[in-house]
């Protein structure tokens, strides 16, 4: 059990390093996005194009709210409206446009479950707990500027977070039983 916990810790720290590389890449490009979000400063053409893609995606969602237009079909929208083969550059909008409320709900239900579990076991937190909560929050913020639902790394991060909730559940159980005996 001790060896598996050490492996889990090393694995989580390695994934965190991989995540840092992804985050650094986004932060380098993020200045113009921040200006667009706040309405201050200059905005480059790439950010203007992303904003247009978000508008196209939201309009599509309002036209097809329940099931969307089908997963992975956003590039057809962008081709039609912008003469460019690209996705919508926003995971929330991409899922709403392509999967509708159903697809969006299914995908983000994983995050909702993780949030409830992390809140439930907050008294039993460890270093990995803190890393997972920060990772989850950063992933959700990053979803504003990227499409992540089909990225393999996204599911590896989610798997680590689910494993952490399992570890928390297992460590919380014996602690709760000991408290009742006292």
C-alpha atoms as a PDB file:
ATOM      1  CA  UNK A   1       0.000   0.000   0.000  1.00  0.00           C
ATOM      2  CA  UNK A   2       2.865   2.380   0.836  1.00  0.00           C
ATOM      3  CA  UNK A   3       4.579   1.609  -2.496  1.00  0.00           C
ATOM      4  CA  UNK A   4       1.361   2.215  -4.434  1.00  0.00           C
ATOM      5  CA  UNK A   5       0.929   5.565  -2.659  1.00  0.00           C
ATOM      6  CA  UNK A   6       4.502   6.527  -3.574  1.00  0.00           C
ATOM      7  CA  UNK A   7       3.865   5.541  -7.193  1.00  0.00           C
ATOM      8  CA  UNK A   8       0.635   7.548  -7.200  1.00  0.00           C
ATOM      9  CA  UNK A   9       2.454  10.595  -5.793  1.00  0.00           C
ATOM     10  CA  UNK A  10       5.252  10.392  -8.375  1.00  0.00           C
ATOM     11  CA  UNK A  11       2.706   9.834 -11.152  1.00  0.00           C
ATOM     12  CA  UNK A  12       0.647  12.851 -10.027  1.00  0.00           C
ATOM     13  CA  UNK A  13       3.724  15.070  -9.837  1.00  0.00           C
ATOM     14  CA  UNK A  14       4.775  13.989 -13.333  1.00  0.00           C
ATOM     15  CA  UNK A  15       1.337  14.836 -14.671  1.00  0.00           C
ATOM     16  CA  UNK A  16       1.522  18.184 -12.930  1.00  0.00           C
ATOM     17  CA  UNK A  17       4.749  18.931 -14.822  1.00  0.00           C
ATOM     18  CA  UNK A  18       3.046  18.014 -18.095  1.00  0.00           C
ATOM     19  CA  UNK A  19       0.177  20.288 -17.133  1.00  0.00           C
ATOM     20  CA  UNK A  20       2.613  23.134 -16.402  1.00  0.00           C
ATOM     21  CA  UNK A  21       3.948  22.871 -19.954  1.00  0.00           C
ATOM     22  CA  UNK A  22       0.391  23.157 -21.343  1.00  0.00           C
ATOM     23  CA  UNK A  23      -0.391  26.079 -19.030  1.00  0.00           C
ATOM     24  CA  UNK A  24       2.786  27.966 -19.987  1.00  0.00           C
ATOM     25  CA  UNK A  25       1.887  27.631 -23.667  1.00  0.00           C
ATOM     26  CA  UNK A  26      -1.572  29.080 -23.049  1.00  0.00           C
ATOM     27  CA  UNK A  27      -0.307  31.895 -20.829  1.00  0.00           C
ATOM     28  CA  UNK A  28       2.100  33.041 -23.541  1.00  0.00           C
ATOM     29  CA  UNK A  29      -0.883  33.447 -25.872  1.00  0.00           C
ATOM     30  CA  UNK A  30      -3.225  34.620 -23.121  1.00  0.00           C
ATOM     31  CA  UNK A  31      -2.477  38.367 -22.951  1.00  0.00           C
ATOM     32  CA  UNK A  32      -4.686  39.240 -25.888  1.00  0.00           C
ATOM     33  CA  UNK A  33      -7.422  36.912 -24.596  1.00  0.00           C
ATOM     34  CA  UNK A  34      -7.319  38.663 -21.229  1.00  0.00           C
ATOM     35  CA  UNK A  35      -7.629  42.029 -22.954  1.00  0.00           C
ATOM     36  CA  UNK A  36     -10.629  40.752 -24.886  1.00  0.00           C
ATOM     37  CA  UNK A  37     -12.240  39.404 -21.718  1.00  0.00           C
ATOM     38  CA  UNK A  38     -11.706  42.648 -19.747  1.00  0.00           C
ATOM     39  CA  UNK A  39     -12.350  44.986 -22.677  1.00  0.00           C
ATOM     40  CA  UNK A  40      -9.057  46.835 -22.064  1.00  0.00           C
ATOM     41  CA  UNK A  41      -5.903  46.960 -24.131  1.00  0.00           C
ATOM     42  CA  UNK A  42      -5.284  45.782 -27.672  1.00  0.00           C
ATOM     43  CA  UNK A  43      -6.771  42.647 -29.138  1.00  0.00           C
ATOM     44  CA  UNK A  44      -5.117  40.782 -31.992  1.00  0.00           C
ATOM     45  CA  UNK A  45      -6.864  39.240 -34.989  1.00  0.00           C
ATOM     46  CA  UNK A  46      -6.573  35.755 -33.487  1.00  0.00           C
ATOM     47  CA  UNK A  47      -8.591  36.821 -30.447  1.00  0.00           C
ATOM     48  CA  UNK A  48     -11.173  38.523 -32.651  1.00  0.00           C
ATOM     49  CA  UNK A  49     -11.500  35.294 -34.652  1.00  0.00           C
ATOM     50  CA  UNK A  50     -11.918  33.289 -31.422  1.00  0.00           C
ATOM     51  CA  UNK A  51     -14.641  35.673 -30.276  1.00  0.00           C
ATOM     52  CA  UNK A  52     -16.421  35.239 -33.612  1.00  0.00           C
ATOM     53  CA  UNK A  53     -16.161  31.446 -33.239  1.00  0.00           C
ATOM     54  CA  UNK A  54     -17.745  31.662 -29.788  1.00  0.00           C
ATOM     55  CA  UNK A  55     -20.616  33.711 -31.227  1.00  0.00           C
ATOM     56  CA  UNK A  56     -21.097  31.146 -34.015  1.00  0.00           C
ATOM     57  CA  UNK A  57     -21.094  28.325 -31.468  1.00  0.00           C
ATOM     58  CA  UNK A  58     -23.601  30.012 -29.162  1.00  0.00           C
ATOM     59  CA  UNK A  59     -25.909  30.796 -32.071  1.00  0.00           C
ATOM     60  CA  UNK A  60     -25.727  27.138 -33.120  1.00  0.00           C
ATOM     61  CA  UNK A  61     -26.511  26.043 -29.562  1.00  0.00           C
ATOM     62  CA  UNK A  62     -29.620  28.254 -29.502  1.00  0.00           C
ATOM     63  CA  UNK A  63     -30.729  26.705 -32.795  1.00  0.00           C
ATOM     64  CA  UNK A  64     -30.049  23.106 -31.616  1.00  0.00           C
ATOM     65  CA  UNK A  65     -30.218  23.249 -27.801  1.00  0.00           C
ATOM     66  CA  UNK A  66     -30.960  19.669 -26.825  1.00  0.00           C
ATOM     67  CA  UNK A  67     -28.429  17.514 -28.729  1.00  0.00           C
ATOM     68  CA  UNK A  68     -26.416  20.078 -30.710  1.00  0.00           C
ATOM     69  CA  UNK A  69     -25.171  19.389 -34.223  1.00  0.00           C
ATOM     70  CA  UNK A  70     -23.105  16.297 -33.386  1.00  0.00           C
ATOM     71  CA  UNK A  71     -19.792  15.913 -31.653  1.00  0.00           C
ATOM     72  CA  UNK A  72     -16.819  17.053 -33.699  1.00  0.00           C
ATOM     73  CA  UNK A  73     -18.881  18.968 -36.260  1.00  0.00           C
ATOM     74  CA  UNK A  74     -17.911  22.469 -35.177  1.00  0.00           C
ATOM     75  CA  UNK A  75     -15.263  22.669 -37.891  1.00  0.00           C
ATOM     76  CA  UNK A  76     -18.076  22.541 -40.455  1.00  0.00           C
ATOM     77  CA  UNK A  77     -19.658  25.574 -38.793  1.00  0.00           C
ATOM     78  CA  UNK A  78     -16.427  27.508 -38.867  1.00  0.00           C
ATOM     79  CA  UNK A  79     -15.884  26.557 -42.525  1.00  0.00           C
ATOM     80  CA  UNK A  80     -19.369  27.776 -43.385  1.00  0.00           C
ATOM     81  CA  UNK A  81     -19.153  31.105 -41.555  1.00  0.00           C
ATOM     82  CA  UNK A  82     -15.448  31.965 -41.585  1.00  0.00           C
ATOM     83  CA  UNK A  83     -14.038  29.949 -44.510  1.00  0.00           C
ATOM     84  CA  UNK A  84     -11.589  28.347 -42.093  1.00  0.00           C
ATOM     85  CA  UNK A  85     -11.252  24.735 -40.922  1.00  0.00           C
ATOM     86  CA  UNK A  86     -11.056  25.056 -37.139  1.00  0.00           C
ATOM     87  CA  UNK A  87     -12.871  24.175 -33.938  1.00  0.00           C
ATOM     88  CA  UNK A  88     -14.539  26.768 -31.675  1.00  0.00           C
ATOM     89  CA  UNK A  89     -11.569  27.358 -29.302  1.00  0.00           C
ATOM     90  CA  UNK A  90     -13.787  27.222 -26.200  1.00  0.00           C
ATOM     91  CA  UNK A  91     -14.676  23.893 -24.620  1.00  0.00           C
ATOM     92  CA  UNK A  92     -17.901  25.160 -23.051  1.00  0.00           C
ATOM     93  CA  UNK A  93     -19.199  26.553 -26.346  1.00  0.00           C
ATOM     94  CA  UNK A  94     -17.880  23.595 -28.358  1.00  0.00           C
ATOM     95  CA  UNK A  95     -19.797  21.148 -26.167  1.00  0.00           C
ATOM     96  CA  UNK A  96     -22.950  23.266 -26.194  1.00  0.00           C
ATOM     97  CA  UNK A  97     -22.890  23.642 -29.997  1.00  0.00           C
ATOM     98  CA  UNK A  98     -21.908  20.050 -30.789  1.00  0.00           C
ATOM     99  CA  UNK A  99     -23.497  18.099 -27.926  1.00  0.00           C
ATOM    100  CA  UNK A 100     -26.245  20.443 -26.772  1.00  0.00           C
ATOM    101  CA  UNK A 101     -27.381  20.475 -23.179  1.00  0.00           C
ATOM    102  CA  UNK A 102     -27.101  16.671 -23.072  1.00  0.00           C
ATOM    103  CA  UNK A 103     -23.456  16.509 -24.198  1.00  0.00           C
ATOM    104  CA  UNK A 104     -22.467  19.491 -22.070  1.00  0.00           C
ATOM    105  CA  UNK A 105     -24.203  17.985 -19.049  1.00  0.00           C
ATOM    106  CA  UNK A 106     -22.628  14.562 -19.458  1.00  0.00           C
ATOM    107  CA  UNK A 107     -19.114  15.975 -19.819  1.00  0.00           C
ATOM    108  CA  UNK A 108     -19.279  18.504 -16.992  1.00  0.00           C
ATOM    109  CA  UNK A 109     -21.100  16.047 -14.701  1.00  0.00           C
ATOM    110  CA  UNK A 110     -17.641  14.541 -14.139  1.00  0.00           C
ATOM    111  CA  UNK A 111     -16.425  17.865 -12.799  1.00  0.00           C
ATOM    112  CA  UNK A 112     -19.578  18.323 -10.719  1.00  0.00           C
ATOM    113  CA  UNK A 113     -19.002  14.905  -9.136  1.00  0.00           C
ATOM    114  CA  UNK A 114     -15.346  15.704  -8.429  1.00  0.00           C
ATOM    115  CA  UNK A 115     -16.251  19.055  -6.873  1.00  0.00           C
ATOM    116  CA  UNK A 116     -18.803  17.422  -4.563  1.00  0.00           C
ATOM    117  CA  UNK A 117     -16.292  14.741  -3.548  1.00  0.00           C
ATOM    118  CA  UNK A 118     -13.520  17.253  -2.902  1.00  0.00           C
ATOM    119  CA  UNK A 119     -15.891  19.327  -0.766  1.00  0.00           C
ATOM    120  CA  UNK A 120     -17.081  16.222   1.078  1.00  0.00           C
ATOM    121  CA  UNK A 121     -13.535  15.080   1.928  1.00  0.00           C
ATOM    122  CA  UNK A 122     -11.935  18.493   2.470  1.00  0.00           C
ATOM    123  CA  UNK A 123     -11.189  17.659   6.116  1.00  0.00           C
ATOM    124  CA  UNK A 124      -9.089  14.678   4.992  1.00  0.00           C
ATOM    125  CA  UNK A 125      -6.998  16.570   2.455  1.00  0.00           C
ATOM    126  CA  UNK A 126      -3.377  15.755   1.681  1.00  0.00           C
ATOM    127  CA  UNK A 127      -0.825  17.187  -0.741  1.00  0.00           C
ATOM    128  CA  UNK A 128      -2.369  15.313  -3.663  1.00  0.00           C
ATOM    129  CA  UNK A 129      -5.800  16.696  -2.749  1.00  0.00           C
ATOM    130  CA  UNK A 130      -4.491  20.244  -3.017  1.00  0.00           C
ATOM    131  CA  UNK A 131      -2.777  19.483  -6.342  1.00  0.00           C
ATOM    132  CA  UNK A 132      -5.974  17.914  -7.731  1.00  0.00           C
ATOM    133  CA  UNK A 133      -8.219  20.801  -6.651  1.00  0.00           C
ATOM    134  CA  UNK A 134      -5.863  23.361  -8.178  1.00  0.00           C
ATOM    135  CA  UNK A 135      -5.520  21.232 -11.320  1.00  0.00           C
ATOM    136  CA  UNK A 136      -9.288  20.969 -11.672  1.00  0.00           C
ATOM    137  CA  UNK A 137      -9.822  24.710 -11.244  1.00  0.00           C
ATOM    138  CA  UNK A 138      -7.096  25.562 -13.746  1.00  0.00           C
ATOM    139  CA  UNK A 139      -8.471  23.048 -16.266  1.00  0.00           C
ATOM    140  CA  UNK A 140     -11.898  24.641 -15.992  1.00  0.00           C
ATOM    141  CA  UNK A 141     -10.452  28.119 -16.528  1.00  0.00           C
ATOM    142  CA  UNK A 142      -8.388  26.875 -19.474  1.00  0.00           C
ATOM    143  CA  UNK A 143     -11.536  25.435 -21.073  1.00  0.00           C
ATOM    144  CA  UNK A 144     -12.494  29.033 -21.833  1.00  0.00           C
ATOM    145  CA  UNK A 145      -9.663  29.273 -24.371  1.00  0.00           C
ATOM    146  CA  UNK A 146      -9.256  25.729 -25.671  1.00  0.00           C
ATOM    147  CA  UNK A 147     -11.228  22.634 -26.610  1.00  0.00           C
ATOM    148  CA  UNK A 148     -10.263  19.796 -24.306  1.00  0.00           C
ATOM    149  CA  UNK A 149     -13.023  17.189 -24.433  1.00  0.00           C
ATOM    150  CA  UNK A 150     -11.187  15.068 -27.006  1.00  0.00           C
ATOM    151  CA  UNK A 151      -7.651  15.483 -25.592  1.00  0.00           C
ATOM    152  CA  UNK A 152      -6.201  12.325 -24.046  1.00  0.00           C
ATOM    153  CA  UNK A 153      -4.304  14.333 -21.437  1.00  0.00           C
ATOM    154  CA  UNK A 154      -7.598  15.743 -20.191  1.00  0.00           C
ATOM    155  CA  UNK A 155      -8.834  12.255 -19.351  1.00  0.00           C
ATOM    156  CA  UNK A 156      -5.557  11.349 -17.691  1.00  0.00           C
ATOM    157  CA  UNK A 157      -5.933  14.420 -15.453  1.00  0.00           C
ATOM    158  CA  UNK A 158      -9.535  13.451 -14.716  1.00  0.00           C
ATOM    159  CA  UNK A 159      -8.450   9.892 -13.925  1.00  0.00           C
ATOM    160  CA  UNK A 160      -5.900  11.172 -11.400  1.00  0.00           C
ATOM    161  CA  UNK A 161      -8.575  13.321  -9.768  1.00  0.00           C
ATOM    162  CA  UNK A 162     -10.987  10.370  -9.581  1.00  0.00           C
ATOM    163  CA  UNK A 163      -8.218   8.227  -8.078  1.00  0.00           C
ATOM    164  CA  UNK A 164      -7.619  10.914  -5.466  1.00  0.00           C
ATOM    165  CA  UNK A 165     -11.302  10.887  -4.493  1.00  0.00           C
ATOM    166  CA  UNK A 166     -10.997   7.110  -4.067  1.00  0.00           C
ATOM    167  CA  UNK A 167      -7.941   7.544  -1.837  1.00  0.00           C
ATOM    168  CA  UNK A 168      -9.782  10.194   0.197  1.00  0.00           C
ATOM    169  CA  UNK A 169     -12.818   7.933   0.571  1.00  0.00           C
ATOM    170  CA  UNK A 170     -10.653   5.047   1.780  1.00  0.00           C
ATOM    171  CA  UNK A 171      -8.718   7.178   4.281  1.00  0.00           C
ATOM    172  CA  UNK A 172     -11.827   8.987   5.508  1.00  0.00           C
ATOM    173  CA  UNK A 173     -13.685   5.737   6.260  1.00  0.00           C
ATOM    174  CA  UNK A 174     -11.311   4.431   8.972  1.00  0.00           C
ATOM    175  CA  UNK A 175     -10.937   7.911  10.474  1.00  0.00           C
ATOM    176  CA  UNK A 176     -14.701   8.328  10.730  1.00  0.00           C
ATOM    177  CA  UNK A 177     -15.071   4.901  12.390  1.00  0.00           C
ATOM    178  CA  UNK A 178     -12.339   5.723  14.942  1.00  0.00           C
ATOM    179  CA  UNK A 179     -14.057   8.995  15.859  1.00  0.00           C
ATOM    180  CA  UNK A 180     -17.379   7.203  16.469  1.00  0.00           C
ATOM    181  CA  UNK A 181     -15.709   4.743  18.851  1.00  0.00           C
ATOM    182  CA  UNK A 182     -14.220   7.512  20.987  1.00  0.00           C
END
